[in-house]
Amino acid sequence: MRCPGWYCGRTLLENASLGECGACPRGYRRNDSTFICDPCTDNPLFYDWLYLGFMVLLALVLHWFFIDLVVMRRNFNKEVIMLHCSAFIEIVLACVLTLLSTEPFGTLTIRSCAVRSLSDWYTLLHNPRPNYEKTVHCTQEAVYPLYTMVFVFFAYALILMLILRPWICKRCLPRQSKMSIYAAMYFLPILALLQALIGGLLYYSFPYLIVVLSVISCAAHFAAQIDQTVLSLIITTVVDLRNVIILIGHWCLHAYGIIAITQLTNPTLHALLILLVPLPALFYILTARFTDPSRFLPT
């Protein structure tokens, strides 16, 4: 028997009979031919892993950004490096614990239901109403576990930060570094809220967001330099270790976005595209002198 809507299905009961049409249990999704809730047994696609990696990178980059912002140091020293390493360890441990907490439990692999369309992320908006009478509630996680495991990751990241970071902050710049904890206590819940509201939109748009934001951020980094001459920009980029690491980080993010867009379906061609990653930085360095405000005298 058919079930209304896109996500309503029937569960197989213990007596081998079928239940009423409704939401499939977590970890199950309706079979569109039989309308029976089948368990999710797919392996995540390469793109799915890239999306999960994007959410991880987003949290890590924000950790590093706020650490760099609050310590107010123009160079790396032992204390700053320890704070950055602490954030990295927290995120890595959160990733491992998230994978271990996702079915199959205790392994670093996951089983999933394949994403078919944007509506899969918003089943709440697609509860059918047969004959415009009673609404059949079939809200479920059709993209299991891509939706909920991100929340689990943010929860682990927050808990691990509250456990580990204070010990590091006590030894490394205690006055400034503690502000990075307060910042994370704000941005991690905000990221969770974004996942709840626009997770589906992020799933389809994150490759382009990474490319655009990495280019803008790279330009902003160069624009912060006082001397905008070509020689000065090259020297400060090559000599200063902090600038080198920041620039390489931008390139890695840009390459990640290109990989997510192309998914390396044509490895030879797409590898050549990755070689163009330094181009935006070179373009800024070579053209900055034409847009330096100090070159234009007031009339």
C-alpha atoms as a PDB file:
ATOM      1  CA  MET A   1       0.000   0.000   0.000  1.00  0.00           C
ATOM      2  CA  ARG A   2       1.199   3.471  -0.850  1.00  0.00           C
ATOM      3  CA  CYS A   3       2.024   6.093   1.750  1.00  0.00           C
ATOM      4  CA  PRO A   4       1.416   9.805   1.172  1.00  0.00           C
ATOM      5  CA  GLY A   5       4.176  12.346   0.832  1.00  0.00           C
ATOM      6  CA  TRP A   6       7.852  11.899   0.109  1.00  0.00           C
ATOM      7  CA  TYR A   7       9.075  10.454   3.390  1.00  0.00           C
ATOM      8  CA  CYS A   8       6.211   8.576   5.050  1.00  0.00           C
ATOM      9  CA  GLY A   9       6.791   4.833   5.263  1.00  0.00           C
ATOM     10  CA  ARG A  10       5.649   1.698   7.047  1.00  0.00           C
ATOM     11  CA  THR A  11       7.728  -0.115   9.629  1.00  0.00           C
ATOM     12  CA  LEU A  12       7.875  -3.897   9.756  1.00  0.00           C
ATOM     13  CA  LEU A  13       6.418  -5.042  13.088  1.00  0.00           C
ATOM     14  CA  GLU A  14       7.483  -8.067  15.148  1.00  0.00           C
ATOM     15  CA  ASN A  15       4.493 -10.089  13.957  1.00  0.00           C
ATOM     16  CA  ALA A  16       5.638  -9.570  10.330  1.00  0.00           C
ATOM     17  CA  SER A  17       2.811  -7.122   9.655  1.00  0.00           C
ATOM     18  CA  LEU A  18       3.230  -3.539   8.497  1.00  0.00           C
ATOM     19  CA  GLY A  19       2.515  -0.544  10.684  1.00  0.00           C
ATOM     20  CA  GLU A  20       0.694   2.628   9.762  1.00  0.00           C
ATOM     21  CA  CYS A  21       2.235   5.206   7.474  1.00  0.00           C
ATOM     22  CA  GLY A  22       4.440   7.550   9.468  1.00  0.00           C
ATOM     23  CA  ALA A  23       7.993   8.656  10.111  1.00  0.00           C
ATOM     24  CA  CYS A  24      10.681   6.029   9.652  1.00  0.00           C
ATOM     25  CA  PRO A  25      12.873   5.347  12.717  1.00  0.00           C
ATOM     26  CA  ARG A  26      16.289   6.968  12.918  1.00  0.00           C
ATOM     27  CA  GLY A  27      18.691   5.136  10.652  1.00  0.00           C
ATOM     28  CA  TYR A  28      15.903   4.081   8.284  1.00  0.00           C
ATOM     29  CA  ARG A  29      14.456   5.559   5.117  1.00  0.00           C
ATOM     30  CA  ARG A  30      11.451   4.765   2.981  1.00  0.00           C
ATOM     31  CA  ASN A  31      11.888   2.509  -0.013  1.00  0.00           C
ATOM     32  CA  ASP A  32      10.042   4.363  -2.766  1.00  0.00           C
ATOM     33  CA  SER A  33       8.927   1.142  -4.444  1.00  0.00           C
ATOM     34  CA  THR A  34       7.644  -0.805  -1.416  1.00  0.00           C
ATOM     35  CA  PHE A  35       7.018   2.146   0.965  1.00  0.00           C
ATOM     36  CA  ILE A  36       8.667   0.106   3.728  1.00  0.00           C
ATOM     37  CA  CYS A  37      11.275   1.727   5.969  1.00  0.00           C
ATOM     38  CA  ASP A  38      14.599   0.122   5.055  1.00  0.00           C
ATOM     39  CA  PRO A  39      17.771   0.500   7.146  1.00  0.00           C
ATOM     40  CA  CYS A  40      20.427   2.883   5.873  1.00  0.00           C
ATOM     41  CA  THR A  41      23.262   0.738   4.553  1.00  0.00           C
ATOM     42  CA  ASP A  42      24.964   3.083   2.075  1.00  0.00           C
ATOM     43  CA  ASN A  43      28.537   4.247   2.427  1.00  0.00           C
ATOM     44  CA  PRO A  44      28.989   8.030   2.492  1.00  0.00           C
ATOM     45  CA  LEU A  45      30.023   9.531  -0.818  1.00  0.00           C
ATOM     46  CA  PHE A  46      33.323  11.341  -1.237  1.00  0.00           C
ATOM     47  CA  TYR A  47      31.323  14.585  -1.292  1.00  0.00           C
ATOM     48  CA  ASP A  48      29.646  13.645   2.016  1.00  0.00           C
ATOM     49  CA  TRP A  49      33.028  13.234   3.681  1.00  0.00           C
ATOM     50  CA  LEU A  50      34.121  16.568   2.236  1.00  0.00           C
ATOM     51  CA  TYR A  51      31.036  18.203   3.751  1.00  0.00           C
ATOM     52  CA  LEU A  52      31.787  16.721   7.159  1.00  0.00           C
ATOM     53  CA  GLY A  53      35.386  17.851   6.746  1.00  0.00           C
ATOM     54  CA  PHE A  54      34.151  21.353   5.961  1.00  0.00           C
ATOM     55  CA  MET A  55      32.256  21.527   9.253  1.00  0.00           C
ATOM     56  CA  VAL A  56      35.372  20.309  11.076  1.00  0.00           C
ATOM     57  CA  LEU A  57      37.592  22.845   9.314  1.00  0.00           C
ATOM     58  CA  LEU A  58      35.101  25.601  10.056  1.00  0.00           C
ATOM     59  CA  ALA A  59      35.341  24.953  13.793  1.00  0.00           C
ATOM     60  CA  LEU A  60      39.136  24.589  13.688  1.00  0.00           C
ATOM     61  CA  VAL A  61      39.727  27.752  11.652  1.00  0.00           C
ATOM     62  CA  LEU A  62      37.473  29.769  13.966  1.00  0.00           C
ATOM     63  CA  HIS A  63      39.387  28.430  16.981  1.00  0.00           C
ATOM     64  CA  TRP A  64      42.677  29.507  15.417  1.00  0.00           C
ATOM     65  CA  PHE A  65      41.273  32.857  14.284  1.00  0.00           C
ATOM     66  CA  PHE A  66      40.062  33.835  17.746  1.00  0.00           C
ATOM     67  CA  ILE A  67      43.241  32.582  19.412  1.00  0.00           C
ATOM     68  CA  ASP A  68      45.257  34.755  17.028  1.00  0.00           C
ATOM     69  CA  LEU A  69      42.876  37.651  17.625  1.00  0.00           C
ATOM     70  CA  VAL A  70      42.921  37.637  21.423  1.00  0.00           C
ATOM     71  CA  VAL A  71      46.645  37.022  21.997  1.00  0.00           C
ATOM     72  CA  MET A  72      47.499  40.049  19.813  1.00  0.00           C
ATOM     73  CA  ARG A  73      50.942  38.791  18.831  1.00  0.00           C
ATOM     74  CA  ARG A  74      52.413  39.482  15.416  1.00  0.00           C
ATOM     75  CA  ASN A  75      54.677  36.437  15.589  1.00  0.00           C
ATOM     76  CA  PHE A  76      54.495  32.871  16.811  1.00  0.00           C
ATOM     77  CA  ASN A  77      56.018  31.984  20.153  1.00  0.00           C
ATOM     78  CA  LYS A  78      55.856  28.935  22.388  1.00  0.00           C
ATOM     79  CA  GLU A  79      52.658  30.016  24.166  1.00  0.00           C
ATOM     80  CA  VAL A  80      50.745  30.815  20.976  1.00  0.00           C
ATOM     81  CA  ILE A  81      51.811  27.546  19.337  1.00  0.00           C
ATOM     82  CA  MET A  82      50.632  25.588  22.384  1.00  0.00           C
ATOM     83  CA  LEU A  83      47.217  27.250  22.199  1.00  0.00           C
ATOM     84  CA  HIS A  84      46.911  26.435  18.494  1.00  0.00           C
ATOM     85  CA  CYS A  85      47.993  22.843  19.125  1.00  0.00           C
ATOM     86  CA  SER A  86      45.438  22.566  21.919  1.00  0.00           C
ATOM     87  CA  ALA A  87      42.651  23.618  19.540  1.00  0.00           C
ATOM     88  CA  PHE A  88      43.879  21.132  16.927  1.00  0.00           C
ATOM     89  CA  ILE A  89      43.978  18.257  19.432  1.00  0.00           C
ATOM     90  CA  GLU A  90      40.486  19.122  20.695  1.00  0.00           C
ATOM     91  CA  ILE A  91      39.055  19.031  17.180  1.00  0.00           C
ATOM     92  CA  VAL A  92      40.816  15.780  16.263  1.00  0.00           C
ATOM     93  CA  LEU A  93      39.586  14.072  19.427  1.00  0.00           C
ATOM     94  CA  ALA A  94      36.069  15.389  18.785  1.00  0.00           C
ATOM     95  CA  CYS A  95      36.182  13.886  15.267  1.00  0.00           C
ATOM     96  CA  VAL A  96      37.306  10.493  16.551  1.00  0.00           C
ATOM     97  CA  LEU A  97      34.691  10.411  19.316  1.00  0.00           C
ATOM     98  CA  THR A  98      31.971  11.444  16.859  1.00  0.00           C
ATOM     99  CA  LEU A  99      32.836   8.592  14.499  1.00  0.00           C
ATOM    100  CA  LEU A 100      32.991   6.123  17.380  1.00  0.00           C
ATOM    101  CA  SER A 101      29.562   7.314  18.565  1.00  0.00           C
ATOM    102  CA  THR A 102      27.924   6.844  15.164  1.00  0.00           C
ATOM    103  CA  GLU A 103      26.607   3.497  13.894  1.00  0.00           C
ATOM    104  CA  PRO A 104      28.292   1.098  13.594  1.00  0.00           C
ATOM    105  CA  PHE A 105      29.402   2.039  17.101  1.00  0.00           C
ATOM    106  CA  GLY A 106      33.044   1.692  18.041  1.00  0.00           C
ATOM    107  CA  THR A 107      34.401   1.971  14.502  1.00  0.00           C
ATOM    108  CA  LEU A 108      35.727   4.842  12.420  1.00  0.00           C
ATOM    109  CA  THR A 109      33.281   4.099   9.604  1.00  0.00           C
ATOM    110  CA  ILE A 110      29.652   5.132   9.245  1.00  0.00           C
ATOM    111  CA  ARG A 111      26.644   3.894   7.316  1.00  0.00           C
ATOM    112  CA  SER A 112      24.291   6.425   5.817  1.00  0.00           C
ATOM    113  CA  CYS A 113      21.283   7.154   3.677  1.00  0.00           C
ATOM    114  CA  ALA A 114      22.233   8.805   0.406  1.00  0.00           C
ATOM    115  CA  VAL A 115      21.263  12.449  -0.084  1.00  0.00           C
ATOM    116  CA  ARG A 116      18.856  12.701  -3.013  1.00  0.00           C
ATOM    117  CA  SER A 117      17.666  16.315  -2.942  1.00  0.00           C
ATOM    118  CA  LEU A 118      17.664  19.493  -0.866  1.00  0.00           C
ATOM    119  CA  SER A 119      14.280  18.568   0.613  1.00  0.00           C
ATOM    120  CA  ASP A 120      15.919  15.594   2.364  1.00  0.00           C
ATOM    121  CA  TRP A 121      17.402  18.074   4.839  1.00  0.00           C
ATOM    122  CA  TYR A 122      14.040  19.666   5.617  1.00  0.00           C
ATOM    123  CA  THR A 123      11.535  16.843   6.022  1.00  0.00           C
ATOM    124  CA  LEU A 124       9.701  18.989   8.578  1.00  0.00           C
ATOM    125  CA  LEU A 125       8.462  21.109   5.677  1.00  0.00           C
ATOM    126  CA  HIS A 126       7.106  18.118   3.759  1.00  0.00           C
ATOM    127  CA  ASN A 127       4.598  16.506   6.090  1.00  0.00           C
ATOM    128  CA  PRO A 128       1.712  15.437   3.802  1.00  0.00           C
ATOM    129  CA  ARG A 129      -1.903  16.380   4.380  1.00  0.00           C
ATOM    130  CA  PRO A 130      -4.079  13.895   2.447  1.00  0.00           C
ATOM    131  CA  ASN A 131      -7.307  15.442   1.168  1.00  0.00           C
ATOM    132  CA  TYR A 132      -6.349  18.611   3.067  1.00  0.00           C
ATOM    133  CA  GLU A 133      -7.560  17.045   6.291  1.00  0.00           C
ATOM    134  CA  LYS A 134      -5.269  15.549   8.936  1.00  0.00           C
ATOM    135  CA  THR A 135      -1.517  16.099   8.661  1.00  0.00           C
ATOM    136  CA  VAL A 136       0.596  12.947   8.672  1.00  0.00           C
ATOM    137  CA  HIS A 137       3.791  13.753  10.563  1.00  0.00           C
ATOM    138  CA  CYS A 138       6.750  12.096   8.853  1.00  0.00           C
ATOM    139  CA  THR A 139       9.612  14.307  10.032  1.00  0.00           C
ATOM    140  CA  GLN A 140      12.813  12.263  10.171  1.00  0.00           C
ATOM    141  CA  GLU A 141      16.521  12.367   9.424  1.00  0.00           C
ATOM    142  CA  ALA A 142      16.413  11.398   5.765  1.00  0.00           C
ATOM    143  CA  VAL A 143      20.125  12.188   5.380  1.00  0.00           C
ATOM    144  CA  TYR A 144      21.158  10.020   8.331  1.00  0.00           C
ATOM    145  CA  PRO A 145      23.634  10.614   9.915  1.00  0.00           C
ATOM    146  CA  LEU A 146      24.979  13.719   8.158  1.00  0.00           C
ATOM    147  CA  TYR A 147      22.571  16.026   9.957  1.00  0.00           C
ATOM    148  CA  THR A 148      22.844  14.922  13.578  1.00  0.00           C
ATOM    149  CA  MET A 149      26.476  13.849  13.717  1.00  0.00           C
ATOM    150  CA  VAL A 150      27.521  17.463  13.129  1.00  0.00           C
ATOM    151  CA  PHE A 151      25.697  18.429  16.336  1.00  0.00           C
ATOM    152  CA  VAL A 152      27.430  15.563  18.138  1.00  0.00           C
ATOM    153  CA  PHE A 153      30.778  16.823  16.855  1.00  0.00           C
ATOM    154  CA  PHE A 154      30.131  20.372  18.077  1.00  0.00           C
ATOM    155  CA  ALA A 155      29.069  19.030  21.478  1.00  0.00           C
ATOM    156  CA  TYR A 156      32.249  16.962  21.799  1.00  0.00           C
ATOM    157  CA  ALA A 157      34.359  19.915  20.625  1.00  0.00           C
ATOM    158  CA  LEU A 158      32.817  22.179  23.263  1.00  0.00           C
ATOM    159  CA  ILE A 159      33.180  19.645  26.082  1.00  0.00           C
ATOM    160  CA  LEU A 160      36.788  18.800  25.202  1.00  0.00           C
ATOM    161  CA  MET A 161      37.670  22.482  24.976  1.00  0.00           C
ATOM    162  CA  LEU A 162      36.213  23.131  28.443  1.00  0.00           C
ATOM    163  CA  ILE A 163      38.207  20.183  29.800  1.00  0.00           C
ATOM    164  CA  LEU A 164      41.580  20.741  28.098  1.00  0.00           C
ATOM    165  CA  ARG A 165      41.904  24.413  27.185  1.00  0.00           C
ATOM    166  CA  PRO A 166      41.802  25.937  30.707  1.00  0.00           C
ATOM    167  CA  TRP A 167      44.919  23.955  31.680  1.00  0.00           C
ATOM    168  CA  ILE A 168      46.764  25.316  28.648  1.00  0.00           C
ATOM    169  CA  CYS A 169      45.485  28.849  29.188  1.00  0.00           C
ATOM    170  CA  LYS A 170      46.645  28.759  32.803  1.00  0.00           C
ATOM    171  CA  ARG A 171      50.222  28.316  31.597  1.00  0.00           C
ATOM    172  CA  CYS A 172      50.113  30.262  28.324  1.00  0.00           C
ATOM    173  CA  LEU A 173      49.093  33.923  28.391  1.00  0.00           C
ATOM    174  CA  PRO A 174      46.367  33.450  31.029  1.00  0.00           C
ATOM    175  CA  ARG A 175      44.940  36.962  30.695  1.00  0.00           C
ATOM    176  CA  GLN A 176      44.419  36.972  26.917  1.00  0.00           C
ATOM    177  CA  SER A 177      44.053  33.282  26.087  1.00  0.00           C
ATOM    178  CA  LYS A 178      41.005  32.728  28.280  1.00  0.00           C
ATOM    179  CA  MET A 179      39.072  34.976  25.897  1.00  0.00           C
ATOM    180  CA  SER A 180      39.455  32.304  23.207  1.00  0.00           C
ATOM    181  CA  ILE A 181      37.389  29.977  25.419  1.00  0.00           C
ATOM    182  CA  TYR A 182      34.627  32.552  25.723  1.00  0.00           C
ATOM    183  CA  ALA A 183      34.680  33.084  21.953  1.00  0.00           C
ATOM    184  CA  ALA A 184      34.297  29.345  21.301  1.00  0.00           C
ATOM    185  CA  MET A 185      31.400  29.180  23.754  1.00  0.00           C
ATOM    186  CA  TYR A 186      29.641  31.590  21.407  1.00  0.00           C
ATOM    187  CA  PHE A 187      30.652  30.450  17.933  1.00  0.00           C
ATOM    188  CA  LEU A 188      30.164  26.694  18.471  1.00  0.00           C
ATOM    189  CA  PRO A 189      26.457  27.094  19.402  1.00  0.00           C
ATOM    190  CA  ILE A 190      26.086  29.532  16.499  1.00  0.00           C
ATOM    191  CA  LEU A 191      27.545  26.932  14.126  1.00  0.00           C
ATOM    192  CA  ALA A 192      25.118  24.362  15.527  1.00  0.00           C
ATOM    193  CA  LEU A 193      22.240  26.775  14.902  1.00  0.00           C
ATOM    194  CA  LEU A 194      23.401  27.313  11.316  1.00  0.00           C
ATOM    195  CA  GLN A 195      23.535  23.551  10.808  1.00  0.00           C
ATOM    196  CA  ALA A 196      19.992  23.249  12.147  1.00  0.00           C
ATOM    197  CA  LEU A 197      18.587  26.011   9.937  1.00  0.00           C
ATOM    198  CA  ILE A 198      20.608  25.921   6.718  1.00  0.00           C
ATOM    199  CA  GLY A 199      22.460  22.600   6.851  1.00  0.00           C
ATOM    200  CA  GLY A 200      21.041  21.559   3.496  1.00  0.00           C
ATOM    201  CA  LEU A 201      22.020  24.832   1.842  1.00  0.00           C
ATOM    202  CA  LEU A 202      25.525  24.521   3.266  1.00  0.00           C
ATOM    203  CA  TYR A 203      25.755  20.959   1.964  1.00  0.00           C
ATOM    204  CA  TYR A 204      25.251  22.111  -1.616  1.00  0.00           C
ATOM    205  CA  SER A 205      27.084  25.445  -1.450  1.00  0.00           C
ATOM    206  CA  PHE A 206      30.070  24.876   0.846  1.00  0.00           C
ATOM    207  CA  PRO A 207      32.620  24.281  -1.982  1.00  0.00           C
ATOM    208  CA  TYR A 208      31.865  27.683  -3.486  1.00  0.00           C
ATOM    209  CA  LEU A 209      31.801  29.351  -0.066  1.00  0.00           C
ATOM    210  CA  ILE A 210      35.265  27.988   0.690  1.00  0.00           C
ATOM    211  CA  VAL A 211      36.720  29.257  -2.589  1.00  0.00           C
ATOM    212  CA  VAL A 212      35.165  32.724  -2.309  1.00  0.00           C
ATOM    213  CA  LEU A 213      35.934  33.205   1.384  1.00  0.00           C
ATOM    214  CA  SER A 214      39.510  31.951   1.040  1.00  0.00           C
ATOM    215  CA  VAL A 215      40.169  34.490  -1.732  1.00  0.00           C
ATOM    216  CA  ILE A 216      38.579  37.333   0.263  1.00  0.00           C
ATOM    217  CA  SER A 217      40.431  36.352   3.431  1.00  0.00           C
ATOM    218  CA  CYS A 218      43.727  36.138   1.556  1.00  0.00           C
ATOM    219  CA  ALA A 219      43.201  39.628   0.124  1.00  0.00           C
ATOM    220  CA  ALA A 220      42.291  40.972   3.579  1.00  0.00           C
ATOM    221  CA  HIS A 221      45.479  39.456   5.011  1.00  0.00           C
ATOM    222  CA  PHE A 222      47.637  41.205   2.419  1.00  0.00           C
ATOM    223  CA  ALA A 223      45.671  44.449   2.775  1.00  0.00           C
ATOM    224  CA  ALA A 224      46.585  44.557   6.478  1.00  0.00           C
ATOM    225  CA  GLN A 225      50.237  45.083   5.528  1.00  0.00           C
ATOM    226  CA  ILE A 226      51.306  48.709   5.833  1.00  0.00           C
ATOM    227  CA  ASP A 227      53.727  48.705   2.894  1.00  0.00           C
ATOM    228  CA  GLN A 228      51.828  47.664  -0.246  1.00  0.00           C
ATOM    229  CA  THR A 229      54.783  47.599  -2.635  1.00  0.00           C
ATOM    230  CA  VAL A 230      55.461  44.378  -4.502  1.00  0.00           C
ATOM    231  CA  LEU A 231      58.872  43.846  -2.933  1.00  0.00           C
ATOM    232  CA  SER A 232      57.621  44.453   0.603  1.00  0.00           C
ATOM    233  CA  LEU A 233      54.664  42.099   0.209  1.00  0.00           C
ATOM    234  CA  ILE A 234      56.934  39.355  -1.109  1.00  0.00           C
ATOM    235  CA  ILE A 235      59.529  39.813   1.644  1.00  0.00           C
ATOM    236  CA  THR A 236      57.006  39.913   4.504  1.00  0.00           C
ATOM    237  CA  THR A 237      55.282  36.853   3.091  1.00  0.00           C
ATOM    238  CA  VAL A 238      58.448  34.794   2.698  1.00  0.00           C
ATOM    239  CA  VAL A 239      60.450  35.912   5.750  1.00  0.00           C
ATOM    240  CA  ASP A 240      57.735  36.079   8.428  1.00  0.00           C
ATOM    241  CA  LEU A 241      56.835  32.536   9.565  1.00  0.00           C
ATOM    242  CA  ARG A 242      53.379  33.656  10.685  1.00  0.00           C
ATOM    243  CA  ASN A 243      52.588  35.076   7.252  1.00  0.00           C
ATOM    244  CA  VAL A 244      53.914  31.947   5.546  1.00  0.00           C
ATOM    245  CA  ILE A 245      51.660  29.688   7.627  1.00  0.00           C
ATOM    246  CA  ILE A 246      48.620  31.919   7.084  1.00  0.00           C
ATOM    247  CA  LEU A 247      49.206  32.001   3.320  1.00  0.00           C
ATOM    248  CA  ILE A 248      49.682  28.226   3.102  1.00  0.00           C
ATOM    249  CA  GLY A 249      46.497  27.812   5.129  1.00  0.00           C
ATOM    250  CA  HIS A 250      44.597  29.938   2.617  1.00  0.00           C
ATOM    251  CA  TRP A 251      45.996  27.875  -0.236  1.00  0.00           C
ATOM    252  CA  CYS A 252      44.978  24.624   1.458  1.00  0.00           C
ATOM    253  CA  LEU A 253      41.432  25.892   1.960  1.00  0.00           C
ATOM    254  CA  HIS A 254      41.274  27.061  -1.657  1.00  0.00           C
ATOM    255  CA  ALA A 255      42.480  23.643  -2.846  1.00  0.00           C
ATOM    256  CA  TYR A 256      39.902  21.964  -0.594  1.00  0.00           C
ATOM    257  CA  GLY A 257      37.161  24.017  -2.235  1.00  0.00           C
ATOM    258  CA  ILE A 258      38.362  23.083  -5.721  1.00  0.00           C
ATOM    259  CA  ILE A 259      38.469  19.395  -4.765  1.00  0.00           C
ATOM    260  CA  ALA A 260      34.922  19.638  -3.395  1.00  0.00           C
ATOM    261  CA  ILE A 261      33.648  21.346  -6.560  1.00  0.00           C
ATOM    262  CA  THR A 262      35.309  18.941  -8.988  1.00  0.00           C
ATOM    263  CA  GLN A 263      35.331  15.845  -6.736  1.00  0.00           C
ATOM    264  CA  LEU A 264      38.402  14.878  -8.800  1.00  0.00           C
ATOM    265  CA  THR A 265      36.253  13.173 -11.411  1.00  0.00           C
ATOM    266  CA  ASN A 266      38.966  14.008 -13.952  1.00  0.00           C
ATOM    267  CA  PRO A 267      42.155  13.699 -11.863  1.00  0.00           C
ATOM    268  CA  THR A 268      44.587  15.032 -14.463  1.00  0.00           C
ATOM    269  CA  LEU A 269      42.622  18.166 -15.315  1.00  0.00           C
ATOM    270  CA  HIS A 270      41.559  18.890 -11.755  1.00  0.00           C
ATOM    271  CA  ALA A 271      45.107  18.452 -10.454  1.00  0.00           C
ATOM    272  CA  LEU A 272      46.131  21.207 -12.867  1.00  0.00           C
ATOM    273  CA  LEU A 273      43.403  23.417 -11.398  1.00  0.00           C
ATOM    274  CA  ILE A 274      44.837  22.872  -7.931  1.00  0.00           C
ATOM    275  CA  LEU A 275      48.195  24.138  -9.210  1.00  0.00           C
ATOM    276  CA  LEU A 276      46.473  27.498  -9.813  1.00  0.00           C
ATOM    277  CA  VAL A 277      45.745  27.904  -6.090  1.00  0.00           C
ATOM    278  CA  PRO A 278      48.549  30.516  -5.563  1.00  0.00           C
ATOM    279  CA  LEU A 279      47.167  32.675  -8.404  1.00  0.00           C
ATOM    280  CA  PRO A 280      44.898  34.959  -6.273  1.00  0.00           C
ATOM    281  CA  ALA A 281      47.797  35.776  -3.926  1.00  0.00           C
ATOM    282  CA  LEU A 282      50.124  36.511  -6.849  1.00  0.00           C
ATOM    283  CA  PHE A 283      47.435  38.632  -8.493  1.00  0.00           C
ATOM    284  CA  TYR A 284      47.059  40.744  -5.341  1.00  0.00           C
ATOM    285  CA  ILE A 285      50.802  41.213  -4.924  1.00  0.00           C
ATOM    286  CA  LEU A 286      51.268  42.282  -8.546  1.00  0.00           C
ATOM    287  CA  THR A 287      48.267  44.634  -8.673  1.00  0.00           C
ATOM    288  CA  ALA A 288      48.218  46.096  -5.144  1.00  0.00           C
ATOM    289  CA  ARG A 289      50.291  49.117  -6.190  1.00  0.00           C
ATOM    290  CA  PHE A 290      47.578  50.167  -8.629  1.00  0.00           C
ATOM    291  CA  THR A 291      44.943  50.347  -5.886  1.00  0.00           C
ATOM    292  CA  ASP A 292      47.000  51.683  -2.959  1.00  0.00           C
ATOM    293  CA  PRO A 293      45.049  54.713  -1.614  1.00  0.00           C
ATOM    294  CA  SER A 294      48.290  56.501  -0.739  1.00  0.00           C
ATOM    295  CA  ARG A 295      49.020  56.859  -4.465  1.00  0.00           C
ATOM    296  CA  PHE A 296      46.013  59.077  -4.996  1.00  0.00           C
ATOM    297  CA  LEU A 297      46.376  62.677  -3.875  1.00  0.00           C
ATOM    298  CA  PRO A 298      43.280  64.625  -2.766  1.00  0.00           C
ATOM    299  CA  THR A 299      42.024  67.086  -5.369  1.00  0.00           C
END
